[in-house]
Amino acid sequence: MTSLRLAPWSDQGIDLLRRQNSAEATEHLGGPETAEQLRRRHERYLDLTDGRMFLVLLAEQVVGSVGYWTRERGGERVLETGYGILPEHQGRGFAVEAVRLCARRARRESSHAWLHAFPSVHHGASNAVCRKAGFELVGECAFECPPGHIMRSNDWRLALGRPETGEDRPG
């Protein structure tokens, strides 16, 4: 496989967000966003303080995005990951490689014991990414994404090598 690399989120990201904003690509995420919603998402990614967003690069070409951030879940702060590869680059293992690279960064930069992913139970490809990247399936859950849109998701988690404290938050 051709080696991918992660680059910090930058102004290149707004074009990527627009390209990822198709009905097909957002089918399991509540549908396409407006131009204003995309602009706000881009700004949030640039200003992220509780995690990191990355552009996924193949040579110098942007092929997708991946990142991690903290989220309130069941009264606790958990570390979540999300990823997306442009349709023309899917099916080549890039999402799995990008998630593994992102997990390595999260392992070094966060104090969480686990990295979680919450793909829709109906999104076979995204669930396969989690399995192939080494995540373990915890079970199904109700998940809000985007705000106001509840979906049935799988809760996948990957150990980040932190000491077990019985909690999934910095200790």
N, C-alpha and C. Protein backbone atom coordinates (compact mmCIF):
# COMPACT_ATOMS: atom_id res chain seq x y z
N MET A 1 0.84 -1.19 0.00
CA MET A 1 0.00 0.00 0.00
C MET A 1 0.88 1.24 0.00
N THR A 2 0.44 2.24 -0.69
CA THR A 2 1.12 3.53 -0.71
C THR A 2 0.97 4.17 0.65
N SER A 3 2.01 4.75 1.15
CA SER A 3 1.98 5.33 2.49
C SER A 3 1.25 6.68 2.50
N LEU A 4 0.37 6.81 3.43
CA LEU A 4 -0.34 8.07 3.66
C LEU A 4 0.37 8.83 4.76
N ARG A 5 0.06 10.10 4.84
CA ARG A 5 0.54 10.89 5.98
C ARG A 5 -0.58 11.84 6.39
N LEU A 6 -0.48 12.29 7.63
CA LEU A 6 -1.44 13.24 8.16
C LEU A 6 -0.79 14.61 8.23
N ALA A 7 -1.55 15.62 7.84
CA ALA A 7 -1.11 17.01 7.95
C ALA A 7 -2.12 17.75 8.81
N PRO A 8 -1.69 18.72 9.59
CA PRO A 8 -2.63 19.49 10.40
C PRO A 8 -3.72 20.12 9.52
N TRP A 9 -4.92 20.22 10.08
CA TRP A 9 -6.03 20.86 9.37
C TRP A 9 -5.61 22.27 8.98
N SER A 10 -5.93 22.66 7.77
CA SER A 10 -5.54 23.98 7.27
C SER A 10 -6.65 24.52 6.38
N ASP A 11 -6.39 25.63 5.74
CA ASP A 11 -7.37 26.22 4.83
C ASP A 11 -7.73 25.31 3.67
N GLN A 12 -6.88 24.33 3.34
CA GLN A 12 -7.24 23.34 2.32
C GLN A 12 -8.48 22.54 2.74
N GLY A 13 -8.75 22.51 4.02
CA GLY A 13 -9.85 21.70 4.54
C GLY A 13 -11.22 22.13 4.08
N ILE A 14 -11.43 23.41 3.83
CA ILE A 14 -12.77 23.86 3.43
C ILE A 14 -13.15 23.25 2.09
N ASP A 15 -12.21 23.15 1.16
CA ASP A 15 -12.49 22.51 -0.13
C ASP A 15 -12.81 21.03 0.08
N LEU A 16 -12.07 20.38 0.94
CA LEU A 16 -12.33 18.97 1.24
C LEU A 16 -13.73 18.80 1.82
N LEU A 17 -14.10 19.65 2.78
CA LEU A 17 -15.44 19.55 3.36
C LEU A 17 -16.52 19.70 2.30
N ARG A 18 -16.32 20.60 1.36
CA ARG A 18 -17.29 20.77 0.27
C ARG A 18 -17.37 19.51 -0.58
N ARG A 19 -16.23 18.91 -0.87
CA ARG A 19 -16.19 17.70 -1.70
C ARG A 19 -16.79 16.50 -0.96
N GLN A 20 -16.70 16.48 0.36
CA GLN A 20 -17.26 15.38 1.16
C GLN A 20 -18.75 15.58 1.46
N ASN A 21 -19.34 16.65 1.01
CA ASN A 21 -20.69 17.06 1.41
C ASN A 21 -21.78 16.56 0.46
N SER A 22 -21.58 15.44 -0.18
CA SER A 22 -22.59 14.90 -1.09
C SER A 22 -23.63 14.11 -0.31
N ALA A 23 -24.77 13.89 -0.94
CA ALA A 23 -25.83 13.09 -0.31
C ALA A 23 -25.33 11.69 0.02
N GLU A 24 -24.56 11.10 -0.87
CA GLU A 24 -24.03 9.74 -0.65
C GLU A 24 -23.06 9.71 0.52
N ALA A 25 -22.16 10.68 0.58
CA ALA A 25 -21.12 10.70 1.61
C ALA A 25 -21.68 11.03 2.99
N THR A 26 -22.81 11.72 3.05
CA THR A 26 -23.38 12.13 4.34
C THR A 26 -24.65 11.36 4.69
N GLU A 27 -24.94 10.32 3.92
CA GLU A 27 -26.16 9.53 4.13
C GLU A 27 -26.32 9.07 5.57
N HIS A 28 -25.23 8.67 6.22
CA HIS A 28 -25.28 8.15 7.59
C HIS A 28 -24.97 9.22 8.63
N LEU A 29 -24.91 10.48 8.20
CA LEU A 29 -24.56 11.58 9.10
C LEU A 29 -25.62 12.68 9.10
N GLY A 30 -26.82 12.36 8.65
CA GLY A 30 -27.90 13.34 8.68
C GLY A 30 -28.05 14.16 7.41
N GLY A 31 -27.25 13.86 6.38
CA GLY A 31 -27.38 14.56 5.10
C GLY A 31 -26.43 15.73 4.95
N PRO A 32 -26.40 16.30 3.74
CA PRO A 32 -25.48 17.41 3.45
C PRO A 32 -25.72 18.62 4.34
N GLU A 33 -24.65 19.39 4.55
CA GLU A 33 -24.72 20.62 5.33
C GLU A 33 -24.81 21.81 4.39
N THR A 34 -25.30 22.91 4.92
CA THR A 34 -25.33 24.16 4.16
C THR A 34 -23.92 24.74 4.08
N ALA A 35 -23.72 25.71 3.19
CA ALA A 35 -22.42 26.37 3.07
C ALA A 35 -22.01 26.99 4.41
N GLU A 36 -22.95 27.57 5.12
CA GLU A 36 -22.64 28.18 6.42
C GLU A 36 -22.24 27.11 7.44
N GLN A 37 -22.93 25.98 7.47
CA GLN A 37 -22.57 24.89 8.38
C GLN A 37 -21.16 24.38 8.08
N LEU A 38 -20.83 24.26 6.79
CA LEU A 38 -19.48 23.81 6.42
C LEU A 38 -18.43 24.82 6.87
N ARG A 39 -18.71 26.11 6.70
CA ARG A 39 -17.77 27.14 7.14
C ARG A 39 -17.54 27.05 8.64
N ARG A 40 -18.64 26.87 9.41
CA ARG A 40 -18.51 26.77 10.87
C ARG A 40 -17.75 25.51 11.27
N ARG A 41 -17.99 24.40 10.58
CA ARG A 41 -17.26 23.15 10.87
C ARG A 41 -15.77 23.38 10.62
N HIS A 42 -15.43 23.99 9.51
CA HIS A 42 -14.04 24.29 9.18
C HIS A 42 -13.39 25.13 10.28
N GLU A 43 -14.10 26.18 10.73
CA GLU A 43 -13.59 27.04 11.81
C GLU A 43 -13.38 26.23 13.09
N ARG A 44 -14.34 25.35 13.42
CA ARG A 44 -14.18 24.51 14.62
C ARG A 44 -12.94 23.63 14.50
N TYR A 45 -12.73 23.06 13.33
CA TYR A 45 -11.56 22.21 13.13
C TYR A 45 -10.26 23.00 13.27
N LEU A 46 -10.24 24.21 12.75
CA LEU A 46 -9.05 25.05 12.88
C LEU A 46 -8.78 25.42 14.34
N ASP A 47 -9.85 25.62 15.12
CA ASP A 47 -9.74 26.09 16.50
C ASP A 47 -9.82 24.97 17.54
N LEU A 48 -9.83 23.73 17.13
CA LEU A 48 -10.01 22.59 18.03
C LEU A 48 -8.95 22.60 19.13
N THR A 49 -9.40 22.56 20.38
CA THR A 49 -8.46 22.55 21.50
C THR A 49 -8.53 21.24 22.29
N ASP A 50 -9.57 20.44 22.08
CA ASP A 50 -9.73 19.19 22.84
C ASP A 50 -9.47 17.98 21.95
N GLY A 51 -8.62 18.16 20.94
CA GLY A 51 -8.29 17.11 19.99
C GLY A 51 -7.57 17.70 18.80
N ARG A 52 -7.55 16.95 17.69
CA ARG A 52 -6.86 17.39 16.48
C ARG A 52 -7.60 16.88 15.26
N MET A 53 -7.66 17.69 14.23
CA MET A 53 -8.16 17.27 12.92
C MET A 53 -7.00 17.30 11.94
N PHE A 54 -7.04 16.35 11.01
CA PHE A 54 -5.97 16.21 10.03
C PHE A 54 -6.53 16.06 8.62
N LEU A 55 -5.74 16.52 7.68
CA LEU A 55 -5.97 16.20 6.28
C LEU A 55 -5.20 14.91 6.02
N VAL A 56 -5.80 13.99 5.29
CA VAL A 56 -5.13 12.75 4.91
C VAL A 56 -4.53 12.98 3.52
N LEU A 57 -3.22 12.82 3.44
CA LEU A 57 -2.51 13.11 2.20
C LEU A 57 -1.90 11.84 1.60
N LEU A 58 -2.04 11.72 0.29
CA LEU A 58 -1.37 10.71 -0.51
C LEU A 58 -0.43 11.51 -1.40
N ALA A 59 0.87 11.39 -1.15
CA ALA A 59 1.85 12.32 -1.72
C ALA A 59 1.42 13.71 -1.25
N GLU A 60 1.11 14.63 -2.14
CA GLU A 60 0.64 15.96 -1.72
C GLU A 60 -0.85 16.16 -1.98
N GLN A 61 -1.54 15.10 -2.38
CA GLN A 61 -2.96 15.18 -2.71
C GLN A 61 -3.82 14.88 -1.48
N VAL A 62 -4.77 15.75 -1.19
CA VAL A 62 -5.70 15.54 -0.09
C VAL A 62 -6.71 14.48 -0.53
N VAL A 63 -6.78 13.38 0.22
CA VAL A 63 -7.71 12.29 -0.12
C VAL A 63 -8.79 12.09 0.93
N GLY A 64 -8.68 12.81 2.06
CA GLY A 64 -9.69 12.65 3.10
C GLY A 64 -9.31 13.39 4.37
N SER A 65 -10.04 13.05 5.42
CA SER A 65 -9.82 13.67 6.73
C SER A 65 -9.96 12.63 7.82
N VAL A 66 -9.34 12.91 8.95
CA VAL A 66 -9.44 12.06 10.13
C VAL A 66 -9.11 12.95 11.32
N GLY A 67 -9.62 12.60 12.47
CA GLY A 67 -9.31 13.38 13.66
C GLY A 67 -9.81 12.70 14.92
N TYR A 68 -9.52 13.35 16.03
CA TYR A 68 -10.03 12.91 17.33
C TYR A 68 -10.34 14.13 18.18
N TRP A 69 -11.31 13.96 19.08
CA TRP A 69 -11.76 15.05 19.95
C TRP A 69 -12.49 14.42 21.13
N THR A 70 -12.68 15.21 22.18
CA THR A 70 -13.43 14.71 23.32
C THR A 70 -14.91 15.03 23.13
N ARG A 71 -15.72 14.16 23.69
CA ARG A 71 -17.17 14.26 23.60
C ARG A 71 -17.76 13.81 24.94
N GLU A 72 -18.84 14.45 25.31
CA GLU A 72 -19.57 14.04 26.50
C GLU A 72 -20.42 12.84 26.11
N ARG A 73 -20.29 11.74 26.85
CA ARG A 73 -21.03 10.52 26.53
C ARG A 73 -21.38 9.81 27.83
N GLY A 74 -22.66 9.71 28.14
CA GLY A 74 -23.06 9.02 29.37
C GLY A 74 -22.49 9.64 30.62
N GLY A 75 -22.36 10.97 30.63
CA GLY A 75 -21.85 11.66 31.80
C GLY A 75 -20.33 11.66 31.92
N GLU A 76 -19.64 11.09 30.94
CA GLU A 76 -18.18 11.06 30.97
C GLU A 76 -17.63 11.70 29.70
N ARG A 77 -16.38 12.11 29.76
CA ARG A 77 -15.68 12.63 28.57
C ARG A 77 -14.97 11.45 27.92
N VAL A 78 -15.29 11.18 26.66
CA VAL A 78 -14.63 10.11 25.92
C VAL A 78 -13.91 10.72 24.72
N LEU A 79 -12.92 10.01 24.21
CA LEU A 79 -12.19 10.44 23.03
C LEU A 79 -12.80 9.74 21.83
N GLU A 80 -13.25 10.53 20.85
CA GLU A 80 -13.92 10.01 19.66
C GLU A 80 -13.07 10.27 18.43
N THR A 81 -13.16 9.39 17.46
CA THR A 81 -12.53 9.61 16.17
C THR A 81 -13.58 9.63 15.07
N GLY A 82 -13.26 10.33 14.01
CA GLY A 82 -14.10 10.36 12.82
C GLY A 82 -13.20 10.43 11.60
N TYR A 83 -13.68 9.93 10.49
CA TYR A 83 -12.85 9.82 9.29
C TYR A 83 -13.72 9.85 8.05
N GLY A 84 -13.13 10.27 6.96
CA GLY A 84 -13.82 10.26 5.68
C GLY A 84 -12.81 10.32 4.56
N ILE A 85 -12.95 9.43 3.61
CA ILE A 85 -12.08 9.38 2.43
C ILE A 85 -12.95 9.72 1.22
N LEU A 86 -12.44 10.57 0.34
CA LEU A 86 -13.19 10.95 -0.85
C LEU A 86 -13.55 9.71 -1.68
N PRO A 87 -14.73 9.70 -2.28
CA PRO A 87 -15.20 8.51 -3.00
C PRO A 87 -14.21 7.94 -4.01
N GLU A 88 -13.51 8.80 -4.74
CA GLU A 88 -12.59 8.29 -5.76
C GLU A 88 -11.35 7.60 -5.17
N HIS A 89 -11.17 7.68 -3.85
CA HIS A 89 -10.03 7.04 -3.20
C HIS A 89 -10.46 5.93 -2.25
N GLN A 90 -11.73 5.63 -2.21
CA GLN A 90 -12.23 4.58 -1.31
C GLN A 90 -11.91 3.20 -1.87
N GLY A 91 -11.95 2.21 -0.98
CA GLY A 91 -11.72 0.83 -1.38
C GLY A 91 -10.26 0.45 -1.53
N ARG A 92 -9.36 1.33 -1.07
CA ARG A 92 -7.92 1.07 -1.20
C ARG A 92 -7.23 0.97 0.16
N GLY A 93 -8.02 0.92 1.24
CA GLY A 93 -7.45 0.79 2.58
C GLY A 93 -6.99 2.10 3.21
N PHE A 94 -7.27 3.23 2.56
CA PHE A 94 -6.81 4.51 3.08
C PHE A 94 -7.47 4.88 4.41
N ALA A 95 -8.75 4.57 4.57
CA ALA A 95 -9.44 4.92 5.82
C ALA A 95 -8.82 4.15 6.99
N VAL A 96 -8.56 2.87 6.80
CA VAL A 96 -7.95 2.06 7.87
C VAL A 96 -6.58 2.62 8.23
N GLU A 97 -5.77 2.91 7.22
CA GLU A 97 -4.43 3.45 7.49
C GLU A 97 -4.51 4.81 8.18
N ALA A 98 -5.43 5.67 7.72
CA ALA A 98 -5.58 7.00 8.33
C ALA A 98 -6.02 6.89 9.79
N VAL A 99 -6.95 5.99 10.08
CA VAL A 99 -7.42 5.81 11.47
C VAL A 99 -6.27 5.29 12.34
N ARG A 100 -5.48 4.38 11.83
CA ARG A 100 -4.33 3.87 12.61
C ARG A 100 -3.33 4.99 12.89
N LEU A 101 -3.05 5.83 11.88
CA LEU A 101 -2.14 6.96 12.09
C LEU A 101 -2.71 7.93 13.13
N CYS A 102 -4.00 8.18 13.04
CA CYS A 102 -4.66 9.08 13.98
C CYS A 102 -4.61 8.50 15.40
N ALA A 103 -4.84 7.20 15.53
CA ALA A 103 -4.79 6.56 16.85
C ALA A 103 -3.39 6.69 17.46
N ARG A 104 -2.36 6.57 16.63
CA ARG A 104 -0.99 6.75 17.15
C ARG A 104 -0.80 8.16 17.71
N ARG A 105 -1.33 9.14 16.99
CA ARG A 105 -1.24 10.53 17.47
C ARG A 105 -2.02 10.69 18.78
N ALA A 106 -3.23 10.14 18.83
CA ALA A 106 -4.05 10.24 20.04
C ALA A 106 -3.35 9.55 21.21
N ARG A 107 -2.71 8.45 20.96
CA ARG A 107 -1.98 7.71 22.01
C ARG A 107 -0.88 8.60 22.60
N ARG A 108 -0.19 9.35 21.75
CA ARG A 108 0.90 10.22 22.22
C ARG A 108 0.39 11.50 22.87
N GLU A 109 -0.73 12.03 22.37
CA GLU A 109 -1.14 13.39 22.73
C GLU A 109 -2.29 13.48 23.72
N SER A 110 -2.94 12.36 24.04
CA SER A 110 -4.07 12.43 24.97
C SER A 110 -3.80 11.54 26.17
N SER A 111 -4.63 11.71 27.18
CA SER A 111 -4.49 10.89 28.38
C SER A 111 -5.66 9.91 28.52
N HIS A 112 -6.43 9.73 27.46
CA HIS A 112 -7.55 8.80 27.49
C HIS A 112 -7.08 7.36 27.34
N ALA A 113 -7.81 6.45 27.93
CA ALA A 113 -7.50 5.03 27.83
C ALA A 113 -7.99 4.43 26.51
N TRP A 114 -9.07 5.00 25.97
CA TRP A 114 -9.72 4.43 24.79
C TRP A 114 -10.00 5.51 23.74
N LEU A 115 -9.96 5.09 22.49
CA LEU A 115 -10.41 5.91 21.37
C LEU A 115 -11.67 5.24 20.83
N HIS A 116 -12.78 5.99 20.74
CA HIS A 116 -14.05 5.44 20.30
C HIS A 116 -14.41 5.92 18.89
N ALA A 117 -15.18 5.10 18.20
CA ALA A 117 -15.80 5.48 16.93
C ALA A 117 -17.25 5.05 17.01
N PHE A 118 -18.15 5.84 16.42
CA PHE A 118 -19.59 5.59 16.52
C PHE A 118 -20.26 5.58 15.15
N PRO A 119 -19.88 4.68 14.25
CA PRO A 119 -20.54 4.65 12.94
C PRO A 119 -21.96 4.10 13.05
N SER A 120 -22.81 4.52 12.12
CA SER A 120 -24.17 3.99 12.04
C SER A 120 -24.12 2.47 11.91
N VAL A 121 -25.07 1.79 12.53
CA VAL A 121 -25.13 0.34 12.40
C VAL A 121 -25.37 -0.07 10.95
N HIS A 122 -25.89 0.85 10.15
CA HIS A 122 -26.19 0.56 8.74
C HIS A 122 -25.04 0.89 7.80
N HIS A 123 -23.95 1.42 8.31
CA HIS A 123 -22.82 1.82 7.46
C HIS A 123 -21.75 0.72 7.50
N GLY A 124 -21.94 -0.27 6.65
CA GLY A 124 -21.06 -1.44 6.63
C GLY A 124 -19.60 -1.10 6.42
N ALA A 125 -19.30 -0.19 5.48
CA ALA A 125 -17.92 0.15 5.18
C ALA A 125 -17.23 0.81 6.38
N SER A 126 -17.93 1.71 7.07
CA SER A 126 -17.33 2.39 8.21
C SER A 126 -17.11 1.43 9.37
N ASN A 127 -18.04 0.52 9.57
CA ASN A 127 -17.86 -0.49 10.61
C ASN A 127 -16.69 -1.41 10.27
N ALA A 128 -16.50 -1.73 9.00
CA ALA A 128 -15.37 -2.55 8.57
C ALA A 128 -14.05 -1.83 8.83
N VAL A 129 -14.01 -0.51 8.64
CA VAL A 129 -12.81 0.26 8.94
C VAL A 129 -12.43 0.08 10.40
N CYS A 130 -13.40 0.20 11.28
CA CYS A 130 -13.12 0.04 12.71
C CYS A 130 -12.56 -1.34 13.01
N ARG A 131 -13.20 -2.37 12.48
CA ARG A 131 -12.75 -3.75 12.71
C ARG A 131 -11.33 -3.95 12.20
N LYS A 132 -11.06 -3.51 10.96
CA LYS A 132 -9.74 -3.70 10.35
C LYS A 132 -8.66 -2.86 11.03
N ALA A 133 -9.04 -1.75 11.64
CA ALA A 133 -8.07 -0.89 12.34
C ALA A 133 -7.78 -1.38 13.75
N GLY A 134 -8.45 -2.47 14.17
CA GLY A 134 -8.15 -3.07 15.47
C GLY A 134 -9.07 -2.67 16.61
N PHE A 135 -10.16 -1.97 16.30
CA PHE A 135 -11.13 -1.60 17.34
C PHE A 135 -11.93 -2.83 17.74
N GLU A 136 -12.44 -2.82 18.97
CA GLU A 136 -13.34 -3.88 19.42
C GLU A 136 -14.75 -3.30 19.53
N LEU A 137 -15.73 -4.11 19.17
CA LEU A 137 -17.12 -3.68 19.22
C LEU A 137 -17.64 -3.80 20.65
N VAL A 138 -18.07 -2.66 21.21
CA VAL A 138 -18.62 -2.63 22.56
C VAL A 138 -20.11 -2.97 22.52
N GLY A 139 -20.82 -2.45 21.52
CA GLY A 139 -22.25 -2.70 21.37
C GLY A 139 -22.93 -1.56 20.64
N GLU A 140 -24.25 -1.65 20.55
CA GLU A 140 -25.04 -0.59 19.91
C GLU A 140 -25.39 0.49 20.90
N CYS A 141 -25.63 1.69 20.38
CA CYS A 141 -26.02 2.81 21.23
C CYS A 141 -26.80 3.82 20.39
N ALA A 142 -27.52 4.68 21.08
CA ALA A 142 -28.16 5.82 20.42
C ALA A 142 -27.10 6.91 20.37
N PHE A 143 -26.99 7.58 19.22
CA PHE A 143 -25.92 8.55 19.05
C PHE A 143 -26.48 9.75 18.31
N GLU A 144 -26.15 10.95 18.81
CA GLU A 144 -26.64 12.19 18.19
C GLU A 144 -25.58 12.73 17.22
N CYS A 145 -25.91 12.70 15.94
CA CYS A 145 -25.00 13.21 14.91
C CYS A 145 -25.79 13.42 13.62
N PRO A 146 -25.88 14.66 13.19
CA PRO A 146 -25.50 15.91 13.83
C PRO A 146 -26.46 16.23 14.97
N PRO A 147 -26.23 17.33 15.70
CA PRO A 147 -27.14 17.69 16.79
C PRO A 147 -28.59 17.69 16.32
N GLY A 148 -29.42 17.01 17.11
CA GLY A 148 -30.84 16.92 16.79
C GLY A 148 -31.21 15.69 15.97
N HIS A 149 -30.21 14.94 15.50
CA HIS A 149 -30.45 13.74 14.68
C HIS A 149 -29.91 12.53 15.43
N ILE A 150 -30.83 11.69 15.95
CA ILE A 150 -30.42 10.50 16.70
C ILE A 150 -30.37 9.32 15.73
N MET A 151 -29.26 8.57 15.78
CA MET A 151 -29.14 7.38 14.95
C MET A 151 -28.67 6.21 15.80
N ARG A 152 -28.94 5.01 15.31
CA ARG A 152 -28.41 3.81 15.95
C ARG A 152 -26.98 3.63 15.47
N SER A 153 -26.08 3.57 16.41
CA SER A 153 -24.66 3.46 16.09
C SER A 153 -24.05 2.26 16.79
N ASN A 154 -22.91 1.84 16.28
CA ASN A 154 -22.08 0.89 17.00
C ASN A 154 -21.04 1.69 17.76
N ASP A 155 -20.74 1.25 18.96
CA ASP A 155 -19.67 1.85 19.76
C ASP A 155 -18.47 0.93 19.64
N TRP A 156 -17.47 1.38 18.91
CA TRP A 156 -16.21 0.67 18.76
C TRP A 156 -15.17 1.38 19.62
N ARG A 157 -14.23 0.63 20.20
CA ARG A 157 -13.18 1.26 20.97
C ARG A 157 -11.84 0.58 20.72
N LEU A 158 -10.80 1.39 20.82
CA LEU A 158 -9.43 0.94 20.63
C LEU A 158 -8.63 1.37 21.85
N ALA A 159 -7.95 0.41 22.47
CA ALA A 159 -7.11 0.73 23.63
C ALA A 159 -5.94 1.59 23.19
N LEU A 160 -5.71 2.66 23.94
CA LEU A 160 -4.60 3.56 23.64
C LEU A 160 -3.37 3.28 24.50
N GLY A 161 -3.42 2.20 25.28
CA GLY A 161 -2.25 1.83 26.06
C GLY A 161 -2.11 2.58 27.36
N ARG A 162 -3.17 3.23 27.80
CA ARG A 162 -3.14 3.94 29.08
C ARG A 162 -3.51 2.95 30.19
N PRO A 163 -3.03 3.18 31.41
CA PRO A 163 -3.42 2.32 32.52
C PRO A 163 -4.93 2.32 32.71
N GLU A 164 -5.47 1.15 32.95
CA GLU A 164 -6.91 1.04 33.21
C GLU A 164 -7.25 1.70 34.54
N THR A 165 -8.19 2.60 34.53
CA THR A 165 -8.61 3.26 35.75
C THR A 165 -10.08 2.94 36.05
N GLY A 166 -10.68 2.17 35.15
CA GLY A 166 -12.10 1.90 35.31
C GLY A 166 -12.95 3.00 34.69
N GLU A 167 -12.32 4.06 34.22
CA GLU A 167 -13.04 5.18 33.60
C GLU A 167 -12.36 5.51 32.27
N ASP A 168 -13.12 6.06 31.39
CA ASP A 168 -12.58 6.44 30.08
C ASP A 168 -12.44 7.96 30.01
N ARG A 169 -11.64 8.49 30.89
CA ARG A 169 -11.36 9.93 30.88
C ARG A 169 -10.01 10.14 31.55
N PRO A 170 -9.43 11.28 31.32
CA PRO A 170 -8.12 11.53 31.94
C PRO A 170 -8.19 11.35 33.44
N GLY A 171 -7.18 10.75 34.01
CA GLY A 171 -7.22 10.48 35.45
C GLY A 171 -6.01 10.94 36.17
